[in-house]
Amino acid sequence: MSAKTIRKTPLLIIAAGGTGGHMFPAQALAEAMLRKGWRVKLSTDARGARYTSGFPHVVEIEEVSSATFSRGGLLAKLLVPFRVGAGILGAIWQMRRDRPEAVIGFGGYPTIPALAAASVLRLPRMIHEQNGVLGRVNKLFATRVTAVACGTWPTALPNGAHGIHTGNPVRGEVMARQGAGYIAPGDYPMSILVIGGSQGARALSDAVPAAIAALPEHLHRHVSVSHQARDEDLERVTAFYDAHGIRADVQPFFTDIPRRMSEAQLVISRAGASSVADISVIGRPSILVPYPHATEDHQTANARGLVDAGAAILIPESRLDPAMLCEQIAMVLEHPQGAEQMARAALAQGRPDATTALVALVEELTAHAPSA
């Protein structure tokens, strides 16, 4: 493809921070826009670049200079404005060389340079907020963009921000498992998937193994576990499962979560927006333990839809202990009809059209349909 042809192809810049919660919906939009004939660039920092392996290889990855006041020592904090400023200037220079049709931010500090540059250059721009409460960066830009696409509804928005409920886009691997048939619990092998977001969850590693070990024998002998744990917890979690005769696959990160989720009778998870979206699109009963230190308790807001629909059981971390968790796990696994109802209720909460809705917003924002 010649440089002239490339320049005629409309360009979308997607800016996303360095967690799976930001990167997975960004990946879903990138995949869809490529199918529509657009070029896509991903603007992120070095931390975010670790999550780009699932992006199509034709997506251009641009690492930008960014920083946050929430990490590092005094010197690092003093350097934050200079690093962010350098990132903004670099983004302006890049966008003048290769002008995008639109810039879409998915949250996280690495989105600041791209969104600020788009504001300076008066380019079409919007943000997508995955959670029921705006993140710090999205709150900063909410009134400086044309629209805020909301993954969770309702989302608390500042005055002057225009919110549109799109749902949270899920990756192609998740869509391939949409509504996968659910095998209710029974007197045969059963699987429990334990996920704590892209970073794992210490609280789940503390409580889940002991809760499963305490299950009644008629459940215990049939259960196997896929457990995502932090690196520092891997050895002790694996050893505990082994010592109690529980079949378990313990890893710091699963690359095949959609498959494992579709095969599970129960999911035990944090309530990150992407995890909630995956659970509802695939349709599985879940026990959700929101991360208590999330900004403005947004994970509890994320869980509310599934919980209110009867698809999930909510356990605040302050009340999480092996005995309570064991009781809730047993309640799901000993009542197959109830588990099936939970799976159907989860599926009813899903927004498998979220990516389509977001693509439509991008096209409306740019009023530009790529030529074939």
Protein backbone atom coordinates (compact mmCIF):
# COMPACT_ATOMS: atom_id res chain seq x y z
CA MET A 1 0.00 0.00 0.00
CA SER A 2 1.47 3.38 -1.01
CA ALA A 3 1.91 6.29 1.41
CA LYS A 4 -0.70 8.24 -0.57
CA THR A 5 -3.25 5.43 -0.18
CA ILE A 6 -2.50 5.20 3.54
CA ARG A 7 -3.13 8.91 3.97
CA LYS A 8 -6.52 8.58 2.23
CA THR A 9 -7.57 5.82 4.62
CA PRO A 10 -9.29 7.38 7.64
CA LEU A 11 -7.30 7.11 10.85
CA LEU A 12 -8.66 6.51 14.34
CA ILE A 13 -6.42 7.08 17.35
CA ILE A 14 -7.40 5.06 20.38
CA ALA A 15 -5.82 6.12 23.67
CA ALA A 16 -5.91 3.71 26.60
CA GLY A 17 -4.17 3.24 29.95
CA GLY A 18 -2.25 0.28 31.22
CA THR A 19 -4.84 -2.11 32.63
CA GLY A 20 -6.97 -4.80 31.04
CA GLY A 21 -10.07 -2.82 32.04
CA HIS A 22 -9.05 -0.05 29.64
CA MET A 23 -7.27 -2.12 27.02
CA PHE A 24 -9.82 -4.88 26.36
CA PRO A 25 -12.67 -2.58 25.19
CA ALA A 26 -10.11 -0.55 23.26
CA GLN A 27 -9.03 -3.75 21.52
CA ALA A 28 -12.66 -4.57 20.65
CA LEU A 29 -13.14 -1.16 18.99
CA ALA A 30 -9.83 -1.48 17.14
CA GLU A 31 -10.86 -4.84 15.70
CA ALA A 32 -14.21 -3.47 14.54
CA MET A 33 -12.81 -0.29 12.97
CA LEU A 34 -10.20 -2.27 11.05
CA ARG A 35 -13.02 -4.37 9.60
CA LYS A 36 -14.69 -1.12 8.53
CA GLY A 37 -11.62 -0.13 6.52
CA TRP A 38 -10.03 2.32 8.96
CA ARG A 39 -6.44 2.56 10.09
CA VAL A 40 -6.01 2.37 13.85
CA LYS A 41 -3.25 3.66 16.10
CA LEU A 42 -3.10 2.86 19.80
CA SER A 43 -1.61 5.54 22.03
CA THR A 44 -0.42 4.17 25.38
CA ASP A 45 2.60 4.12 27.67
CA ALA A 46 5.14 1.40 28.39
CA ARG A 47 2.87 -0.15 31.03
CA GLY A 48 -0.05 -0.29 28.61
CA ALA A 49 2.12 -1.79 25.89
CA ARG A 50 2.27 -4.99 27.96
CA TYR A 51 -1.40 -5.59 27.15
CA THR A 52 -1.18 -5.14 23.40
CA SER A 53 -0.43 -8.73 22.39
CA GLY A 54 -4.09 -9.38 21.61
CA PHE A 55 -4.44 -6.37 19.29
CA PRO A 56 -4.40 -7.07 15.55
CA HIS A 57 -0.86 -6.78 14.23
CA VAL A 58 -1.80 -3.97 11.84
CA VAL A 59 -2.64 -1.64 14.74
CA GLU A 60 0.21 0.84 15.12
CA ILE A 61 1.37 1.10 18.73
CA GLU A 62 2.65 4.51 19.82
CA GLU A 63 4.20 4.74 23.28
CA VAL A 64 3.73 8.20 24.74
CA SER A 65 5.31 9.97 27.67
CA SER A 66 2.88 10.10 30.58
CA ALA A 67 2.88 9.88 34.36
CA THR A 68 0.70 9.96 37.45
CA PHE A 69 1.01 11.67 40.81
CA SER A 70 -0.16 8.48 42.54
CA ARG A 71 3.09 6.52 42.06
CA GLY A 72 6.77 7.12 42.69
CA GLY A 73 8.79 9.29 45.05
CA LEU A 74 9.02 13.06 45.39
CA LEU A 75 11.29 13.50 42.36
CA ALA A 76 8.98 11.39 40.16
CA LYS A 77 6.02 13.51 41.27
CA LEU A 78 7.90 16.75 40.52
CA LEU A 79 8.65 15.47 37.02
CA VAL A 80 5.03 14.54 36.22
CA PRO A 81 4.03 17.88 34.60
CA PHE A 82 7.13 17.84 32.41
CA ARG A 83 6.59 14.24 31.29
CA VAL A 84 2.92 14.86 30.53
CA GLY A 85 3.75 18.11 28.76
CA ALA A 86 6.32 16.32 26.61
CA GLY A 87 3.74 13.68 25.78
CA ILE A 88 1.20 16.31 24.72
CA LEU A 89 3.69 18.13 22.50
CA GLY A 90 4.73 14.84 20.93
CA ALA A 91 1.09 13.90 20.29
CA ILE A 92 0.38 17.28 18.67
CA TRP A 93 3.38 16.83 16.37
CA GLN A 94 2.31 13.32 15.41
CA MET A 95 -1.31 14.34 14.74
CA ARG A 96 -0.21 17.21 12.53
CA ARG A 97 1.92 14.79 10.49
CA ASP A 98 -0.82 12.15 10.28
CA ARG A 99 -4.15 13.76 11.07
CA PRO A 100 -6.73 11.41 12.62
CA GLU A 101 -10.44 11.58 11.87
CA ALA A 102 -11.14 11.10 15.57
CA VAL A 103 -9.48 10.40 18.91
CA ILE A 104 -11.18 8.09 21.41
CA GLY A 105 -9.97 7.82 25.01
CA PHE A 106 -10.63 4.77 27.18
CA GLY A 107 -9.28 6.13 30.44
CA GLY A 108 -6.02 6.00 32.34
CA TYR A 109 -3.22 8.57 32.56
CA PRO A 110 -1.66 7.55 29.22
CA THR A 111 -4.76 8.96 27.47
CA ILE A 112 -3.97 12.53 28.55
CA PRO A 113 -1.49 13.35 25.74
CA ALA A 114 -3.76 12.17 22.91
CA LEU A 115 -6.95 13.77 24.27
CA ALA A 116 -5.18 17.03 25.15
CA ALA A 117 -3.60 17.18 21.69
CA ALA A 118 -6.97 16.50 20.05
CA SER A 119 -8.48 19.33 22.12
CA VAL A 120 -5.73 21.75 21.05
CA LEU A 121 -6.14 20.77 17.39
CA ARG A 122 -9.98 20.79 17.69
CA LEU A 123 -10.26 17.24 16.37
CA PRO A 124 -13.42 15.13 16.84
CA ARG A 125 -13.02 13.32 20.17
CA MET A 126 -14.92 11.34 22.75
CA ILE A 127 -14.25 9.07 25.69
CA HIS A 128 -15.51 5.68 26.79
CA GLU A 129 -16.01 5.07 30.50
CA GLN A 130 -16.21 1.42 31.47
CA ASN A 131 -17.29 1.90 35.09
CA GLY A 132 -20.34 3.34 36.81
CA VAL A 133 -18.18 6.19 38.13
CA LEU A 134 -15.88 8.29 35.94
CA GLY A 135 -12.17 7.70 36.37
CA ARG A 136 -9.96 10.69 37.18
CA VAL A 137 -8.78 11.30 33.63
CA ASN A 138 -12.20 10.77 32.06
CA LYS A 139 -13.68 13.17 34.61
CA LEU A 140 -11.11 15.74 33.51
CA PHE A 141 -12.12 15.44 29.84
CA ALA A 142 -15.85 14.63 30.18
CA THR A 143 -16.97 18.18 29.36
CA ARG A 144 -14.24 18.67 26.74
CA VAL A 145 -15.42 15.93 24.39
CA THR A 146 -18.50 15.54 22.20
CA ALA A 147 -19.80 12.48 24.04
CA VAL A 148 -19.10 10.11 26.90
CA ALA A 149 -19.89 6.54 25.87
CA CYS A 150 -20.95 4.77 29.06
CA GLY A 151 -20.26 1.08 29.58
CA THR A 152 -22.24 0.90 32.83
CA TRP A 153 -25.61 2.58 33.18
CA PRO A 154 -26.31 4.85 34.87
CA THR A 155 -22.92 6.54 35.09
CA ALA A 156 -22.51 9.61 37.29
CA LEU A 157 -21.52 12.49 34.97
CA PRO A 158 -20.62 16.13 35.64
CA ASN A 159 -22.91 18.92 34.45
CA GLY A 160 -22.35 19.63 30.77
CA ALA A 161 -21.22 16.10 29.86
CA HIS A 162 -23.27 14.21 27.26
CA GLY A 163 -23.56 10.54 28.20
CA ILE A 164 -24.72 7.75 25.87
CA HIS A 165 -25.20 4.17 27.05
CA THR A 166 -23.28 1.84 24.74
CA GLY A 167 -22.28 -0.95 27.12
CA ASN A 168 -18.73 -2.26 27.37
CA PRO A 169 -17.25 -3.74 24.18
CA VAL A 170 -15.77 -7.19 24.61
CA ARG A 171 -12.95 -8.80 22.65
CA GLY A 172 -13.58 -11.03 19.68
CA GLU A 173 -12.67 -14.13 21.72
CA VAL A 174 -15.47 -13.28 24.15
CA MET A 175 -18.00 -12.60 21.39
CA ALA A 176 -17.14 -16.00 19.91
CA ARG A 177 -18.45 -17.51 23.19
CA GLN A 178 -21.53 -15.28 23.42
CA GLY A 179 -24.39 -17.18 25.07
CA ALA A 180 -22.38 -20.42 25.11
CA GLY A 181 -24.54 -23.25 26.42
CA TYR A 182 -24.42 -23.53 30.20
CA ILE A 183 -23.97 -26.93 31.84
CA ALA A 184 -25.67 -26.66 35.22
CA PRO A 185 -23.93 -28.07 38.32
CA GLY A 186 -24.43 -31.78 38.92
CA ASP A 187 -22.91 -35.08 39.96
CA TYR A 188 -20.03 -34.79 37.49
CA PRO A 189 -16.88 -32.66 37.03
CA MET A 190 -17.53 -28.97 37.67
CA SER A 191 -15.29 -25.98 37.09
CA ILE A 192 -14.89 -22.76 39.07
CA LEU A 193 -13.08 -19.81 37.49
CA VAL A 194 -11.44 -17.34 39.88
CA ILE A 195 -10.29 -14.04 38.35
CA GLY A 196 -9.13 -10.84 39.99
CA GLY A 197 -8.74 -8.48 37.07
CA SER A 198 -5.55 -8.07 35.08
CA GLN A 199 -3.47 -7.81 38.29
CA GLY A 200 -4.99 -10.67 40.27
CA ALA A 201 -6.52 -10.23 43.74
CA ARG A 202 -4.86 -11.00 47.08
CA ALA A 203 -8.21 -11.19 48.90
CA LEU A 204 -9.48 -13.92 46.57
CA SER A 205 -6.27 -15.88 46.97
CA ASP A 206 -6.69 -15.65 50.74
CA ALA A 207 -10.34 -16.76 50.85
CA VAL A 208 -11.20 -18.91 47.83
CA PRO A 209 -8.90 -21.94 48.32
CA ALA A 210 -10.03 -22.44 51.93
CA ALA A 211 -13.67 -21.96 50.94
CA ILE A 212 -13.44 -24.64 48.25
CA ALA A 213 -11.57 -26.99 50.58
CA ALA A 214 -14.47 -26.68 53.06
CA LEU A 215 -17.15 -27.69 50.54
CA PRO A 216 -19.17 -30.82 51.35
CA GLU A 217 -17.54 -33.99 50.03
CA HIS A 218 -20.21 -34.54 47.33
CA LEU A 219 -19.17 -31.19 45.80
CA HIS A 220 -15.48 -31.22 46.73
CA ARG A 221 -14.71 -34.39 44.80
CA HIS A 222 -16.14 -32.97 41.55
CA VAL A 223 -14.69 -29.46 41.62
CA SER A 224 -11.67 -28.22 39.70
CA VAL A 225 -10.43 -24.64 39.76
CA SER A 226 -8.80 -22.17 37.39
CA HIS A 227 -7.38 -19.54 39.74
CA GLN A 228 -5.68 -16.34 38.68
CA ALA A 229 -3.24 -15.24 41.40
CA ARG A 230 -0.55 -12.66 41.75
CA ASP A 231 3.05 -13.81 41.22
CA GLU A 232 3.81 -13.51 44.93
CA ASP A 233 0.78 -15.70 45.79
CA LEU A 234 1.28 -18.45 43.22
CA GLU A 235 3.34 -20.83 45.35
CA ARG A 236 1.16 -20.74 48.46
CA VAL A 237 -2.13 -20.96 46.54
CA THR A 238 -0.88 -23.89 44.45
CA ALA A 239 0.45 -25.64 47.55
CA PHE A 240 -2.86 -25.22 49.38
CA TYR A 241 -4.88 -26.73 46.55
CA ASP A 242 -2.42 -29.63 46.24
CA ALA A 243 -2.49 -30.30 49.99
CA HIS A 244 -6.30 -30.51 49.95
CA GLY A 245 -6.59 -32.71 46.87
CA ILE A 246 -8.21 -30.01 44.73
CA ARG A 247 -7.49 -30.04 41.00
CA ALA A 248 -6.32 -26.50 40.26
CA ASP A 249 -4.59 -24.55 37.52
CA VAL A 250 -3.05 -21.47 39.18
CA GLN A 251 -1.53 -18.81 36.93
CA PRO A 252 -0.82 -15.07 37.16
CA PHE A 253 -2.72 -14.39 33.94
CA PHE A 254 -4.92 -16.55 31.75
CA THR A 255 -4.77 -15.88 28.02
CA ASP A 256 -7.86 -18.03 27.43
CA ILE A 257 -10.33 -16.63 29.97
CA PRO A 258 -13.27 -16.72 27.49
CA ARG A 259 -12.85 -20.50 27.07
CA ARG A 260 -12.46 -21.12 30.77
CA MET A 261 -15.46 -18.94 31.56
CA SER A 262 -17.66 -20.68 29.02
CA GLU A 263 -16.76 -24.05 30.60
CA ALA A 264 -17.29 -22.88 34.20
CA GLN A 265 -20.31 -23.59 36.39
CA LEU A 266 -19.42 -20.57 38.55
CA VAL A 267 -17.20 -17.49 38.28
CA ILE A 268 -15.72 -15.81 41.36
CA SER A 269 -14.40 -12.41 40.42
CA ARG A 270 -13.64 -8.83 41.18
CA ALA A 271 -16.22 -6.49 39.64
CA GLY A 272 -14.07 -4.71 37.10
CA ALA A 273 -16.07 -3.46 34.13
CA SER A 274 -14.47 -5.82 31.62
CA SER A 275 -14.96 -8.85 33.86
CA VAL A 276 -18.63 -7.96 34.41
CA ALA A 277 -19.09 -7.48 30.65
CA ASP A 278 -17.47 -10.85 29.85
CA ILE A 279 -19.61 -12.64 32.48
CA SER A 280 -22.82 -11.15 31.12
CA VAL A 281 -22.06 -11.65 27.41
CA ILE A 282 -21.10 -15.32 27.97
CA GLY A 283 -23.80 -15.72 30.63
CA ARG A 284 -22.49 -17.30 33.83
CA PRO A 285 -23.50 -17.29 37.52
CA SER A 286 -21.01 -15.29 39.55
CA ILE A 287 -19.92 -14.27 43.02
CA LEU A 288 -18.55 -10.73 42.83
CA VAL A 289 -16.18 -9.22 45.38
CA PRO A 290 -15.66 -5.54 44.46
CA TYR A 291 -12.22 -4.07 45.02
CA PRO A 292 -12.79 -1.86 48.06
CA HIS A 293 -10.21 0.78 47.14
CA ALA A 294 -11.54 1.46 43.64
CA THR A 295 -12.16 5.13 42.96
CA GLU A 296 -15.51 6.13 44.50
CA ASP A 297 -16.28 2.42 44.96
CA HIS A 298 -16.97 2.08 41.24
CA GLN A 299 -16.70 -1.73 41.26
CA THR A 300 -19.78 -1.97 43.47
CA ALA A 301 -21.58 0.22 40.93
CA ASN A 302 -20.38 -2.10 38.16
CA ALA A 303 -21.79 -5.16 39.96
CA ARG A 304 -25.19 -3.66 40.69
CA GLY A 305 -26.85 -4.64 37.40
CA LEU A 306 -25.98 -8.34 37.70
CA VAL A 307 -26.81 -8.43 41.39
CA ASP A 308 -30.19 -6.71 41.00
CA ALA A 309 -31.04 -9.08 38.13
CA GLY A 310 -30.38 -12.12 40.32
CA ALA A 311 -27.39 -13.15 38.21
CA ALA A 312 -24.69 -12.56 40.80
CA ILE A 313 -24.05 -12.69 44.54
CA LEU A 314 -22.29 -9.63 45.95
CA ILE A 315 -19.87 -10.04 48.87
CA PRO A 316 -18.12 -6.88 50.10
CA GLU A 317 -14.47 -7.61 50.84
CA SER A 318 -15.01 -6.47 54.43
CA ARG A 319 -17.34 -9.47 54.90
CA LEU A 320 -15.35 -11.97 52.85
CA ASP A 321 -14.18 -15.02 54.75
CA PRO A 322 -13.85 -18.71 53.79
CA ALA A 323 -16.95 -19.81 55.74
CA MET A 324 -19.27 -17.26 54.11
CA LEU A 325 -17.78 -17.86 50.67
CA CYS A 326 -18.08 -21.65 51.07
CA GLU A 327 -21.77 -21.24 51.90
CA GLN A 328 -22.40 -19.12 48.80
CA ILE A 329 -20.45 -21.46 46.49
CA ALA A 330 -22.38 -24.44 47.81
CA MET A 331 -25.67 -22.61 47.35
CA VAL A 332 -24.95 -22.21 43.63
CA LEU A 333 -23.51 -25.68 43.03
CA GLU A 334 -26.23 -27.54 44.98
CA HIS A 335 -29.11 -25.87 43.13
CA PRO A 336 -28.77 -26.50 39.39
CA GLN A 337 -32.08 -24.85 38.50
CA GLY A 338 -31.12 -21.73 40.43
CA ALA A 339 -27.70 -21.73 38.73
CA GLU A 340 -29.38 -21.95 35.33
CA GLN A 341 -31.62 -19.01 36.24
CA MET A 342 -28.55 -17.01 37.26
CA ALA A 343 -26.87 -17.82 33.93
CA ARG A 344 -29.95 -16.70 31.98
CA ALA A 345 -30.21 -13.52 34.06
CA ALA A 346 -26.56 -12.72 33.40
CA LEU A 347 -27.04 -13.21 29.68
CA ALA A 348 -30.05 -10.86 29.74
CA GLN A 349 -27.82 -8.15 31.21
CA GLY A 350 -25.22 -8.48 28.46
CA ARG A 351 -24.66 -5.90 25.74
CA PRO A 352 -23.21 -7.94 22.88
CA ASP A 353 -24.03 -4.97 20.64
CA ALA A 354 -21.73 -2.65 22.62
CA THR A 355 -19.00 -2.60 20.01
CA THR A 356 -21.53 -1.92 17.23
CA ALA A 357 -22.97 0.94 19.26
CA LEU A 358 -19.52 2.40 19.83
CA VAL A 359 -18.61 2.11 16.15
CA ALA A 360 -21.82 3.95 15.26
CA LEU A 361 -20.84 6.75 17.65
CA VAL A 362 -17.40 7.03 16.05
CA GLU A 363 -18.94 7.26 12.60
CA GLU A 364 -21.49 9.80 13.80
CA LEU A 365 -18.72 11.80 15.42
CA THR A 366 -16.67 11.95 12.25
CA ALA A 367 -19.52 11.87 9.69
CA HIS A 368 -17.04 9.92 7.59
CA ALA A 369 -17.67 6.53 6.05
CA PRO A 370 -14.50 4.97 4.59
CA SER A 371 -14.67 4.20 0.93
CA ALA A 372 -14.20 0.61 -0.12
